[in-house]
């Protein structure tokens, strides 16, 4: 499932039209329709959408898509034994691990330039 489809699904759940989403993202209506067809989008769009839909950025990168958004905008995994507190901690750990990996990659790039 591509990120564009996830954005479309979240917009539908919040009853946001393409015009509404375009206004919130500062894009044209056609750009939003194009966005909803993409598998990958820029991190800036992911950040903006995570704020608009009140979900963590990691929501757009979940494997398998086995999650649901509750009325309080929290994320619950379907058929999961993980509690909300554990889920939140695991998301933070995953994000921090990705951040560390990216920083390590950047350090290696800089060291190789010297």
PDB file of N, CA and C in Angstrom:
ATOM      1  N   UNK A   1       0.852  -1.165   0.000  1.00  0.00           N
ATOM      2  CA  UNK A   1       0.000   0.000   0.000  1.00  0.00           C
ATOM      3  C   UNK A   1       0.903   1.236   0.000  1.00  0.00           C
ATOM      4  N   UNK A   2       0.715   2.109  -0.970  1.00  0.00           N
ATOM      5  CA  UNK A   2       1.536   3.299  -1.089  1.00  0.00           C
ATOM      6  C   UNK A   2       1.121   4.393  -0.119  1.00  0.00           C
ATOM      7  N   UNK A   3       2.026   5.323   0.085  1.00  0.00           N
ATOM      8  CA  UNK A   3       1.765   6.430   1.005  1.00  0.00           C
ATOM      9  C   UNK A   3       0.597   7.275   0.508  1.00  0.00           C
ATOM     10  N   UNK A   4       0.502   7.459  -0.803  1.00  0.00           N
ATOM     11  CA  UNK A   4      -0.605   8.231  -1.368  1.00  0.00           C
ATOM     12  C   UNK A   4      -1.953   7.635  -1.016  1.00  0.00           C
ATOM     13  N   UNK A   5      -2.038   6.304  -1.059  1.00  0.00           N
ATOM     14  CA  UNK A   5      -3.285   5.628  -0.699  1.00  0.00           C
ATOM     15  C   UNK A   5      -3.607   5.839   0.776  1.00  0.00           C
ATOM     16  N   UNK A   6      -2.581   5.794   1.612  1.00  0.00           N
ATOM     17  CA  UNK A   6      -2.778   6.011   3.052  1.00  0.00           C
ATOM     18  C   UNK A   6      -3.290   7.431   3.301  1.00  0.00           C
ATOM     19  N   UNK A   7      -2.713   8.405   2.593  1.00  0.00           N
ATOM     20  CA  UNK A   7      -3.166   9.796   2.722  1.00  0.00           C
ATOM     21  C   UNK A   7      -4.626   9.910   2.293  1.00  0.00           C
ATOM     22  N   UNK A   8      -4.962   9.282   1.178  1.00  0.00           N
ATOM     23  CA  UNK A   8      -6.350   9.312   0.685  1.00  0.00           C
ATOM     24  C   UNK A   8      -7.286   8.682   1.712  1.00  0.00           C
ATOM     25  N   UNK A   9      -6.889   7.557   2.278  1.00  0.00           N
ATOM     26  CA  UNK A   9      -7.706   6.869   3.265  1.00  0.00           C
ATOM     27  C   UNK A   9      -7.930   7.743   4.505  1.00  0.00           C
ATOM     28  N   UNK A  10      -6.870   8.388   4.985  1.00  0.00           N
ATOM     29  CA  UNK A  10      -7.000   9.260   6.155  1.00  0.00           C
ATOM     30  C   UNK A  10      -7.886  10.465   5.839  1.00  0.00           C
ATOM     31  N   UNK A  11      -7.741  11.016   4.639  1.00  0.00           N
ATOM     32  CA  UNK A  11      -8.584  12.156   4.240  1.00  0.00           C
ATOM     33  C   UNK A  11     -10.048  11.734   4.201  1.00  0.00           C
ATOM     34  N   UNK A  12     -10.307  10.557   3.659  1.00  0.00           N
ATOM     35  CA  UNK A  12     -11.689  10.052   3.617  1.00  0.00           C
ATOM     36  C   UNK A  12     -12.253   9.891   5.022  1.00  0.00           C
ATOM     37  N   UNK A  13     -11.439   9.357   5.934  1.00  0.00           N
ATOM     38  CA  UNK A  13     -11.893   9.142   7.311  1.00  0.00           C
ATOM     39  C   UNK A  13     -12.185  10.455   8.023  1.00  0.00           C
ATOM     40  N   UNK A  14     -11.470  11.510   7.637  1.00  0.00           N
ATOM     41  CA  UNK A  14     -11.700  12.825   8.258  1.00  0.00           C
ATOM     42  C   UNK A  14     -12.671  13.676   7.447  1.00  0.00           C
ATOM     43  N   UNK A  15     -13.245  13.063   6.399  1.00  0.00           N
ATOM     44  CA  UNK A  15     -14.179  13.766   5.511  1.00  0.00           C
ATOM     45  C   UNK A  15     -13.561  15.016   4.886  1.00  0.00           C
ATOM     46  N   UNK A  16     -12.288  14.906   4.512  1.00  0.00           N
ATOM     47  CA  UNK A  16     -11.600  15.998   3.826  1.00  0.00           C
ATOM     48  C   UNK A  16     -11.610  15.722   2.336  1.00  0.00           C
ATOM     49  N   UNK A  17     -12.082  16.668   1.569  1.00  0.00           N
ATOM     50  CA  UNK A  17     -12.051  16.525   0.113  1.00  0.00           C
ATOM     51  C   UNK A  17     -10.647  16.843  -0.388  1.00  0.00           C
ATOM     52  N   UNK A  18     -10.398  16.561  -1.647  1.00  0.00           N
ATOM     53  CA  UNK A  18      -9.103  16.891  -2.250  1.00  0.00           C
ATOM     54  C   UNK A  18      -8.867  18.398  -2.198  1.00  0.00           C
ATOM     55  N   UNK A  19      -9.927  19.167  -2.362  1.00  0.00           N
ATOM     56  CA  UNK A  19      -9.814  20.636  -2.298  1.00  0.00           C
ATOM     57  C   UNK A  19      -9.403  21.071  -0.893  1.00  0.00           C
ATOM     58  N   UNK A  20     -10.040  20.460   0.124  1.00  0.00           N
ATOM     59  CA  UNK A  20      -9.693  20.790   1.514  1.00  0.00           C
ATOM     60  C   UNK A  20      -8.243  20.442   1.813  1.00  0.00           C
ATOM     61  N   UNK A  21      -7.832  19.243   1.392  1.00  0.00           N
ATOM     62  CA  UNK A  21      -6.460  18.810   1.638  1.00  0.00           C
ATOM     63  C   UNK A  21      -5.475  19.681   0.882  1.00  0.00           C
ATOM     64  N   UNK A  22      -5.828  20.067  -0.336  1.00  0.00           N
ATOM     65  CA  UNK A  22      -4.966  20.953  -1.127  1.00  0.00           C
ATOM     66  C   UNK A  22      -4.748  22.279  -0.397  1.00  0.00           C
ATOM     67  N   UNK A  23      -5.822  22.811   0.154  1.00  0.00           N
ATOM     68  CA  UNK A  23      -5.720  24.076   0.891  1.00  0.00           C
ATOM     69  C   UNK A  23      -4.815  23.918   2.109  1.00  0.00           C
ATOM     70  N   UNK A  24      -4.988  22.828   2.853  1.00  0.00           N
ATOM     71  CA  UNK A  24      -4.190  22.603   4.060  1.00  0.00           C
ATOM     72  C   UNK A  24      -2.712  22.378   3.747  1.00  0.00           C
ATOM     73  N   UNK A  25      -2.429  21.749   2.600  1.00  0.00           N
ATOM     74  CA  UNK A  25      -1.042  21.465   2.219  1.00  0.00           C
ATOM     75  C   UNK A  25      -0.429  22.567   1.350  1.00  0.00           C
ATOM     76  N   UNK A  26      -1.247  23.524   0.944  1.00  0.00           N
ATOM     77  CA  UNK A  26      -0.745  24.591   0.079  1.00  0.00           C
ATOM     78  C   UNK A  26      -0.426  24.100  -1.326  1.00  0.00           C
ATOM     79  N   UNK A  27      -1.223  23.168  -1.814  1.00  0.00           N
ATOM     80  CA  UNK A  27      -1.028  22.571  -3.143  1.00  0.00           C
ATOM     81  C   UNK A  27      -2.284  22.769  -3.974  1.00  0.00           C
ATOM     82  N   UNK A  28      -2.174  22.472  -5.262  1.00  0.00           N
ATOM     83  CA  UNK A  28      -3.348  22.524  -6.123  1.00  0.00           C
ATOM     84  C   UNK A  28      -4.150  21.235  -5.963  1.00  0.00           C
ATOM     85  N   UNK A  29      -5.396  21.292  -6.381  1.00  0.00           N
ATOM     86  CA  UNK A  29      -6.253  20.107  -6.311  1.00  0.00           C
ATOM     87  C   UNK A  29      -5.660  18.979  -7.146  1.00  0.00           C
ATOM     88  N   UNK A  30      -5.143  19.320  -8.329  1.00  0.00           N
ATOM     89  CA  UNK A  30      -4.553  18.298  -9.192  1.00  0.00           C
ATOM     90  C   UNK A  30      -3.312  17.684  -8.542  1.00  0.00           C
ATOM     91  N   UNK A  31      -2.536  18.501  -7.835  1.00  0.00           N
ATOM     92  CA  UNK A  31      -1.351  17.981  -7.141  1.00  0.00           C
ATOM     93  C   UNK A  31      -1.758  16.963  -6.077  1.00  0.00           C
ATOM     94  N   UNK A  32      -2.896  17.196  -5.437  1.00  0.00           N
ATOM     95  CA  UNK A  32      -3.382  16.255  -4.420  1.00  0.00           C
ATOM     96  C   UNK A  32      -3.824  14.955  -5.069  1.00  0.00           C
ATOM     97  N   UNK A  33      -4.533  15.054  -6.198  1.00  0.00           N
ATOM     98  CA  UNK A  33      -4.932  13.829  -6.909  1.00  0.00           C
ATOM     99  C   UNK A  33      -3.699  13.041  -7.339  1.00  0.00           C
ATOM    100  N   UNK A  34      -2.675  13.744  -7.817  1.00  0.00           N
ATOM    101  CA  UNK A  34      -1.429  13.082  -8.203  1.00  0.00           C
ATOM    102  C   UNK A  34      -0.754  12.443  -6.993  1.00  0.00           C
ATOM    103  N   UNK A  35      -0.751  13.160  -5.877  1.00  0.00           N
ATOM    104  CA  UNK A  35      -0.144  12.680  -4.637  1.00  0.00           C
ATOM    105  C   UNK A  35      -0.783  11.375  -4.181  1.00  0.00           C
ATOM    106  N   UNK A  36      -2.091  11.287  -4.308  1.00  0.00           N
ATOM    107  CA  UNK A  36      -2.823  10.107  -3.843  1.00  0.00           C
ATOM    108  C   UNK A  36      -2.532   8.864  -4.690  1.00  0.00           C
ATOM    109  N   UNK A  37      -1.904   9.050  -5.833  1.00  0.00           N
ATOM    110  CA  UNK A  37      -1.561   7.927  -6.711  1.00  0.00           C
ATOM    111  C   UNK A  37      -0.129   7.434  -6.482  1.00  0.00           C
ATOM    112  N   UNK A  38       0.655   8.184  -5.699  1.00  0.00           N
ATOM    113  CA  UNK A  38       2.075   7.871  -5.532  1.00  0.00           C
ATOM    114  C   UNK A  38       2.322   6.840  -4.441  1.00  0.00           C
ATOM    115  N   UNK A  39       3.391   6.055  -4.641  1.00  0.00           N
ATOM    116  CA  UNK A  39       3.826   5.121  -3.604  1.00  0.00           C
ATOM    117  C   UNK A  39       4.711   5.822  -2.587  1.00  0.00           C
ATOM    118  N   UNK A  40       5.476   6.816  -3.046  1.00  0.00           N
ATOM    119  CA  UNK A  40       6.395   7.549  -2.179  1.00  0.00           C
ATOM    120  C   UNK A  40       6.150   9.044  -2.335  1.00  0.00           C
ATOM    121  N   UNK A  41       6.275   9.768  -1.226  1.00  0.00           N
ATOM    122  CA  UNK A  41       6.143  11.222  -1.245  1.00  0.00           C
ATOM    123  C   UNK A  41       7.279  11.812  -0.414  1.00  0.00           C
ATOM    124  N   UNK A  42       7.468  13.107  -0.513  1.00  0.00           N
ATOM    125  CA  UNK A  42       8.557  13.753   0.217  1.00  0.00           C
ATOM    126  C   UNK A  42       8.309  13.721   1.722  1.00  0.00           C
ATOM    127  N   UNK A  43       9.389  13.819   2.463  1.00  0.00           N
ATOM    128  CA  UNK A  43       9.257  13.821   3.925  1.00  0.00           C
ATOM    129  C   UNK A  43       8.501  15.060   4.404  1.00  0.00           C
ATOM    130  N   UNK A  44       8.606  16.153   3.666  1.00  0.00           N
ATOM    131  CA  UNK A  44       7.871  17.362   4.051  1.00  0.00           C
ATOM    132  C   UNK A  44       6.365  17.109   3.992  1.00  0.00           C
ATOM    133  N   UNK A  45       5.912  16.412   2.963  1.00  0.00           N
ATOM    134  CA  UNK A  45       4.492  16.080   2.841  1.00  0.00           C
ATOM    135  C   UNK A  45       4.077  15.129   3.965  1.00  0.00           C
ATOM    136  N   UNK A  46       4.936  14.146   4.257  1.00  0.00           N
ATOM    137  CA  UNK A  46       4.629  13.199   5.341  1.00  0.00           C
ATOM    138  C   UNK A  46       4.481  13.962   6.651  1.00  0.00           C
ATOM    139  N   UNK A  47       5.396  14.891   6.917  1.00  0.00           N
ATOM    140  CA  UNK A  47       5.323  15.675   8.160  1.00  0.00           C
ATOM    141  C   UNK A  47       4.024  16.480   8.217  1.00  0.00           C
ATOM    142  N   UNK A  48       3.701  17.161   7.115  1.00  0.00           N
ATOM    143  CA  UNK A  48       2.479  17.966   7.085  1.00  0.00           C
ATOM    144  C   UNK A  48       1.246  17.084   7.287  1.00  0.00           C
ATOM    145  N   UNK A  49       1.214  15.962   6.610  1.00  0.00           N
ATOM    146  CA  UNK A  49       0.059  15.057   6.723  1.00  0.00           C
ATOM    147  C   UNK A  49      -0.047  14.470   8.123  1.00  0.00           C
ATOM    148  N   UNK A  50       1.094  14.180   8.754  1.00  0.00           N
ATOM    149  CA  UNK A  50       1.028  13.636  10.108  1.00  0.00           C
ATOM    150  C   UNK A  50       0.422  14.665  11.061  1.00  0.00           C
ATOM    151  N   UNK A  51       0.678  15.941  10.824  1.00  0.00           N
ATOM    152  CA  UNK A  51       0.074  16.988  11.656  1.00  0.00           C
ATOM    153  C   UNK A  51      -1.410  17.150  11.341  1.00  0.00           C
ATOM    154  N   UNK A  52      -1.756  17.145  10.060  1.00  0.00           N
ATOM    155  CA  UNK A  52      -3.151  17.319   9.652  1.00  0.00           C
ATOM    156  C   UNK A  52      -4.014  16.179  10.180  1.00  0.00           C
ATOM    157  N   UNK A  53      -3.511  14.938  10.054  1.00  0.00           N
ATOM    158  CA  UNK A  53      -4.294  13.772  10.437  1.00  0.00           C
ATOM    159  C   UNK A  53      -4.033  13.317  11.873  1.00  0.00           C
ATOM    160  N   UNK A  54      -3.128  14.014  12.549  1.00  0.00           N
ATOM    161  CA  UNK A  54      -2.816  13.720  13.954  1.00  0.00           C
ATOM    162  C   UNK A  54      -2.388  12.265  14.145  1.00  0.00           C
ATOM    163  N   UNK A  55      -1.454  11.842  13.301  1.00  0.00           N
ATOM    164  CA  UNK A  55      -0.847  10.513  13.409  1.00  0.00           C
ATOM    165  C   UNK A  55       0.667  10.699  13.360  1.00  0.00           C
ATOM    166  N   UNK A  56       1.428   9.786  13.928  1.00  0.00           N
ATOM    167  CA  UNK A  56       2.887   9.917  13.855  1.00  0.00           C
ATOM    168  C   UNK A  56       3.361   9.660  12.418  1.00  0.00           C
ATOM    169  N   UNK A  57       4.480  10.265  12.021  1.00  0.00           N
ATOM    170  CA  UNK A  57       5.008  10.027  10.671  1.00  0.00           C
ATOM    171  C   UNK A  57       5.205   8.551  10.360  1.00  0.00           C
ATOM    172  N   UNK A  58       5.510   7.757  11.373  1.00  0.00           N
ATOM    173  CA  UNK A  58       5.725   6.324  11.146  1.00  0.00           C
ATOM    174  C   UNK A  58       4.464   5.628  10.649  1.00  0.00           C
ATOM    175  N   UNK A  59       3.303   6.220  10.879  1.00  0.00           N
ATOM    176  CA  UNK A  59       2.042   5.640  10.418  1.00  0.00           C
ATOM    177  C   UNK A  59       2.063   5.380   8.911  1.00  0.00           C
ATOM    178  N   UNK A  60       2.741   6.253   8.161  1.00  0.00           N
ATOM    179  CA  UNK A  60       2.765   6.151   6.702  1.00  0.00           C
ATOM    180  C   UNK A  60       3.718   5.070   6.205  1.00  0.00           C
ATOM    181  N   UNK A  61       4.508   4.496   7.097  1.00  0.00           N
ATOM    182  CA  UNK A  61       5.520   3.512   6.705  1.00  0.00           C
ATOM    183  C   UNK A  61       5.298   2.143   7.336  1.00  0.00           C
ATOM    184  N   UNK A  62       4.123   1.901   7.901  1.00  0.00           N
ATOM    185  CA  UNK A  62       3.835   0.629   8.551  1.00  0.00           C
ATOM    186  C   UNK A  62       3.745  -0.469   7.510  1.00  0.00           C
ATOM    187  N   UNK A  63       4.400  -1.573   7.777  1.00  0.00           N
ATOM    188  CA  UNK A  63       4.330  -2.736   6.892  1.00  0.00           C
ATOM    189  C   UNK A  63       3.004  -3.445   7.093  1.00  0.00           C
ATOM    190  N   UNK A  64       2.380  -3.822   6.036  1.00  0.00           N
ATOM    191  CA  UNK A  64       1.158  -4.598   6.115  1.00  0.00           C
ATOM    192  C   UNK A  64      -0.103  -3.786   6.355  1.00  0.00           C
ATOM    193  N   UNK A  65       0.034  -2.589   6.834  1.00  0.00           N
ATOM    194  CA  UNK A  65      -1.117  -1.723   7.041  1.00  0.00           C
ATOM    195  C   UNK A  65      -2.129  -2.239   8.047  1.00  0.00           C
ATOM    196  N   UNK A  66      -1.724  -3.098   8.978  1.00  0.00           N
ATOM    197  CA  UNK A  66      -2.669  -3.661   9.945  1.00  0.00           C
ATOM    198  C   UNK A  66      -2.806  -2.739  11.135  1.00  0.00           C
ATOM    199  N   UNK A  67      -3.441  -1.584  10.903  1.00  0.00           N
ATOM    200  CA  UNK A  67      -3.676  -0.671  11.994  1.00  0.00           C
ATOM    201  C   UNK A  67      -4.949   0.108  11.724  1.00  0.00           C
ATOM    202  N   UNK A  68      -5.484   0.667  12.753  1.00  0.00           N
ATOM    203  CA  UNK A  68      -6.702   1.444  12.623  1.00  0.00           C
ATOM    204  C   UNK A  68      -6.549   2.714  13.439  1.00  0.00           C
ATOM    205  N   UNK A  69      -7.236   3.769  13.026  1.00  0.00           N
ATOM    206  CA  UNK A  69      -7.196   5.021  13.759  1.00  0.00           C
ATOM    207  C   UNK A  69      -8.472   5.106  14.581  1.00  0.00           C
ATOM    208  N   UNK A  70      -8.313   5.238  15.886  1.00  0.00           N
ATOM    209  CA  UNK A  70      -9.460   5.340  16.783  1.00  0.00           C
ATOM    210  C   UNK A  70     -10.030   6.754  16.724  1.00  0.00           C
ATOM    211  N   UNK A  71     -11.185   6.946  17.347  1.00  0.00           N
ATOM    212  CA  UNK A  71     -11.821   8.264  17.328  1.00  0.00           C
ATOM    213  C   UNK A  71     -10.962   9.324  17.992  1.00  0.00           C
ATOM    214  N   UNK A  72     -10.113   8.920  18.928  1.00  0.00           N
ATOM    215  CA  UNK A  72      -9.232   9.892  19.573  1.00  0.00           C
ATOM    216  C   UNK A  72      -7.941  10.069  18.780  1.00  0.00           C
ATOM    217  N   UNK A  73      -7.917   9.573  17.538  1.00  0.00           N
ATOM    218  CA  UNK A  73      -6.795   9.676  16.595  1.00  0.00           C
ATOM    219  C   UNK A  73      -5.586   8.856  17.005  1.00  0.00           C
ATOM    220  N   UNK A  74      -5.741   7.958  17.976  1.00  0.00           N
ATOM    221  CA  UNK A  74      -4.638   7.084  18.324  1.00  0.00           C
ATOM    222  C   UNK A  74      -4.612   5.928  17.338  1.00  0.00           C
ATOM    223  N   UNK A  75      -3.492   5.258  17.261  1.00  0.00           N
ATOM    224  CA  UNK A  75      -3.338   4.152  16.331  1.00  0.00           C
ATOM    225  C   UNK A  75      -3.395   2.851  17.117  1.00  0.00           C
ATOM    226  N   UNK A  76      -4.192   1.935  16.647  1.00  0.00           N
ATOM    227  CA  UNK A  76      -4.303   0.632  17.294  1.00  0.00           C
ATOM    228  C   UNK A  76      -4.031  -0.440  16.246  1.00  0.00           C
ATOM    229  N   UNK A  77      -3.147  -1.346  16.552  1.00  0.00           N
ATOM    230  CA  UNK A  77      -2.877  -2.451  15.633  1.00  0.00           C
ATOM    231  C   UNK A  77      -3.980  -3.481  15.772  1.00  0.00           C
ATOM    232  N   UNK A  78      -4.436  -3.993  14.654  1.00  0.00           N
ATOM    233  CA  UNK A  78      -5.481  -5.002  14.665  1.00  0.00           C
ATOM    234  C   UNK A  78      -4.849  -6.350  14.996  1.00  0.00           C
ATOM    235  N   UNK A  79      -5.514  -7.121  15.862  1.00  0.00           N
ATOM    236  CA  UNK A  79      -5.017  -8.428  16.296  1.00  0.00           C
ATOM    237  C   UNK A  79      -3.648  -8.336  16.955  1.00  0.00           C
ATOM    238  N   UNK A  80      -3.426  -7.301  17.731  1.00  0.00           N
ATOM    239  CA  UNK A  80      -2.135  -7.096  18.371  1.00  0.00           C
ATOM    240  C   UNK A  80      -2.259  -7.299  19.869  1.00  0.00           C
ATOM    241  N   UNK A  81      -1.181  -7.802  20.466  1.00  0.00           N
ATOM    242  CA  UNK A  81      -1.149  -7.941  21.913  1.00  0.00           C
ATOM    243  C   UNK A  81      -0.367  -6.791  22.551  1.00  0.00           C
ATOM    244  N   UNK A  82       0.022  -5.828  21.761  1.00  0.00           N
ATOM    245  CA  UNK A  82       0.801  -4.691  22.248  1.00  0.00           C
ATOM    246  C   UNK A  82      -0.149  -3.652  22.821  1.00  0.00           C
ATOM    247  N   UNK A  83       0.165  -3.176  24.006  1.00  0.00           N
ATOM    248  CA  UNK A  83      -0.664  -2.145  24.623  1.00  0.00           C
ATOM    249  C   UNK A  83      -0.327  -0.800  23.997  1.00  0.00           C
ATOM    250  N   UNK A  84      -1.220   0.203  24.112  1.00  0.00           N
ATOM    251  CA  UNK A  84      -0.943   1.516  23.531  1.00  0.00           C
ATOM    252  C   UNK A  84       0.376   2.123  24.024  1.00  0.00           C
ATOM    253  N   UNK A  85       0.680   1.966  25.315  1.00  0.00           N
ATOM    254  CA  UNK A  85       1.928   2.517  25.850  1.00  0.00           C
ATOM    255  C   UNK A  85       3.132   1.834  25.213  1.00  0.00           C
ATOM    256  N   UNK A  86       3.068   0.499  25.067  1.00  0.00           N
ATOM    257  CA  UNK A  86       4.166  -0.235  24.430  1.00  0.00           C
ATOM    258  C   UNK A  86       4.292   0.157  22.975  1.00  0.00           C
ATOM    259  N   UNK A  87       3.161   0.343  22.311  1.00  0.00           N
ATOM    260  CA  UNK A  87       3.163   0.725  20.897  1.00  0.00           C
ATOM    261  C   UNK A  87       3.836   2.082  20.730  1.00  0.00           C
ATOM    262  N   UNK A  88       3.484   3.024  21.586  1.00  0.00           N
ATOM    263  CA  UNK A  88       4.070   4.356  21.515  1.00  0.00           C
ATOM    264  C   UNK A  88       5.574   4.302  21.746  1.00  0.00           C
ATOM    265  N   UNK A  89       5.995   3.535  22.724  1.00  0.00           N
ATOM    266  CA  UNK A  89       7.428   3.396  23.008  1.00  0.00           C
ATOM    267  C   UNK A  89       8.147   2.723  21.848  1.00  0.00           C
ATOM    268  N   UNK A  90       7.523   1.694  21.276  1.00  0.00           N
ATOM    269  CA  UNK A  90       8.148   0.992  20.157  1.00  0.00           C
ATOM    270  C   UNK A  90       8.283   1.913  18.950  1.00  0.00           C
ATOM    271  N   UNK A  91       7.274   2.759  18.699  1.00  0.00           N
ATOM    272  CA  UNK A  91       7.354   3.715  17.593  1.00  0.00           C
ATOM    273  C   UNK A  91       8.510   4.686  17.820  1.00  0.00           C
ATOM    274  N   UNK A  92       8.649   5.160  19.043  1.00  0.00           N
ATOM    275  CA  UNK A  92       9.737   6.085  19.353  1.00  0.00           C
ATOM    276  C   UNK A  92      11.089   5.406  19.170  1.00  0.00           C
ATOM    277  N   UNK A  93      11.191   4.177  19.626  1.00  0.00           N
ATOM    278  CA  UNK A  93      12.444   3.428  19.476  1.00  0.00           C
ATOM    279  C   UNK A  93      12.776   3.251  17.999  1.00  0.00           C
ATOM    280  N   UNK A  94      11.776   2.864  17.213  1.00  0.00           N
ATOM    281  CA  UNK A  94      11.989   2.662  15.784  1.00  0.00           C
ATOM    282  C   UNK A  94      12.446   3.954  15.110  1.00  0.00           C
ATOM    283  N   UNK A  95      11.786   5.064  15.435  1.00  0.00           N
ATOM    284  CA  UNK A  95      12.177   6.353  14.859  1.00  0.00           C
ATOM    285  C   UNK A  95      13.593   6.739  15.270  1.00  0.00           C
ATOM    286  N   UNK A  96      13.926   6.516  16.532  1.00  0.00           N
ATOM    287  CA  UNK A  96      15.271   6.843  17.003  1.00  0.00           C
ATOM    288  C   UNK A  96      16.327   5.955  16.350  1.00  0.00           C
ATOM    289  N   UNK A  97      16.010   4.676  16.164  1.00  0.00           N
ATOM    290  CA  UNK A  97      16.946   3.783  15.477  1.00  0.00           C
ATOM    291  C   UNK A  97      17.193   4.245  14.049  1.00  0.00           C
ATOM    292  N   UNK A  98      16.134   4.661  13.362  1.00  0.00           N
ATOM    293  CA  UNK A  98      16.288   5.165  11.987  1.00  0.00           C
ATOM    294  C   UNK A  98      17.117   6.442  11.973  1.00  0.00           C
ATOM    295  N   UNK A  99      16.912   7.290  12.965  1.00  0.00           N
ATOM    296  CA  UNK A  99      17.669   8.531  13.065  1.00  0.00           C
ATOM    297  C   UNK A  99      19.153   8.246  13.281  1.00  0.00           C
ATOM    298  N   UNK A 100      19.452   7.302  14.158  1.00  0.00           N
ATOM    299  CA  UNK A 100      20.845   6.921  14.421  1.00  0.00           C
ATOM    300  C   UNK A 100      21.477   6.342  13.154  1.00  0.00           C
ATOM    301  N   UNK A 101      20.749   5.478  12.449  1.00  0.00           N
ATOM    302  CA  UNK A 101      21.268   4.899  11.204  1.00  0.00           C
ATOM    303  C   UNK A 101      21.589   5.988  10.190  1.00  0.00           C
ATOM    304  N   UNK A 102      20.699   6.954  10.055  1.00  0.00           N
ATOM    305  CA  UNK A 102      20.908   8.040   9.095  1.00  0.00           C
ATOM    306  C   UNK A 102      22.111   8.898   9.501  1.00  0.00           C
ATOM    307  N   UNK A 103      22.257   9.166  10.775  1.00  0.00           N
ATOM    308  CA  UNK A 103      23.408   9.943  11.246  1.00  0.00           C
ATOM    309  C   UNK A 103      24.703   9.179  11.020  1.00  0.00           C
ATOM    310  N   UNK A 104      24.679   7.868  11.268  1.00  0.00           N
ATOM    311  CA  UNK A 104      25.873   7.058  11.025  1.00  0.00           C
ATOM    312  C   UNK A 104      26.232   7.046   9.540  1.00  0.00           C
ATOM    313  N   UNK A 105      25.217   6.971   8.690  1.00  0.00           N
ATOM    314  CA  UNK A 105      25.455   6.998   7.248  1.00  0.00           C
ATOM    315  C   UNK A 105      26.061   8.340   6.832  1.00  0.00           C
ATOM    316  N   UNK A 106      25.544   9.417   7.393  1.00  0.00           N
ATOM    317  CA  UNK A 106      26.062  10.754   7.084  1.00  0.00           C
ATOM    318  C   UNK A 106      27.509  10.888   7.545  1.00  0.00           C
ATOM    319  N   UNK A 107      27.822  10.373   8.722  1.00  0.00           N
ATOM    320  CA  UNK A 107      29.196  10.420   9.232  1.00  0.00           C
ATOM    321  C   UNK A 107      30.134   9.669   8.297  1.00  0.00           C
ATOM    322  N   UNK A 108      29.708   8.494   7.840  1.00  0.00           N
ATOM    323  CA  UNK A 108      30.549   7.713   6.918  1.00  0.00           C
ATOM    324  C   UNK A 108      30.771   8.458   5.610  1.00  0.00           C
ATOM    325  N   UNK A 109      29.756   9.108   5.106  1.00  0.00           N
ATOM    326  CA  UNK A 109      29.888   9.896   3.877  1.00  0.00           C
ATOM    327  C   UNK A 109      30.907  11.004   4.084  1.00  0.00           C
ATOM    328  N   UNK A 110      30.802  11.704   5.208  1.00  0.00           N
ATOM    329  CA  UNK A 110      31.729  12.811   5.495  1.00  0.00           C
ATOM    330  C   UNK A 110      33.146  12.306   5.693  1.00  0.00           C
ATOM    331  N   UNK A 111      33.301  11.162   6.358  1.00  0.00           N
ATOM    332  CA  UNK A 111      34.641  10.618   6.554  1.00  0.00           C
ATOM    333  C   UNK A 111      35.272  10.181   5.222  1.00  0.00           C
ATOM    334  N   UNK A 112      34.492   9.667   4.328  1.00  0.00           N
ATOM    335  CA  UNK A 112      35.000   9.223   3.032  1.00  0.00           C
ATOM    336  C   UNK A 112      35.384  10.371   2.124  1.00  0.00           C
ATOM    337  N   UNK A 113      34.848  11.569   2.363  1.00  0.00           N
ATOM    338  CA  UNK A 113      35.191  12.742   1.566  1.00  0.00           C
ATOM    339  C   UNK A 113      36.565  13.290   1.917  1.00  0.00           C
ATOM    340  N   UNK A 114      37.052  12.962   3.107  1.00  0.00           N
ATOM    341  CA  UNK A 114      38.334  13.506   3.556  1.00  0.00           C
ATOM    342  C   UNK A 114      39.433  12.719   3.004  1.00  0.00           C
TER     343      UNK A 114
END
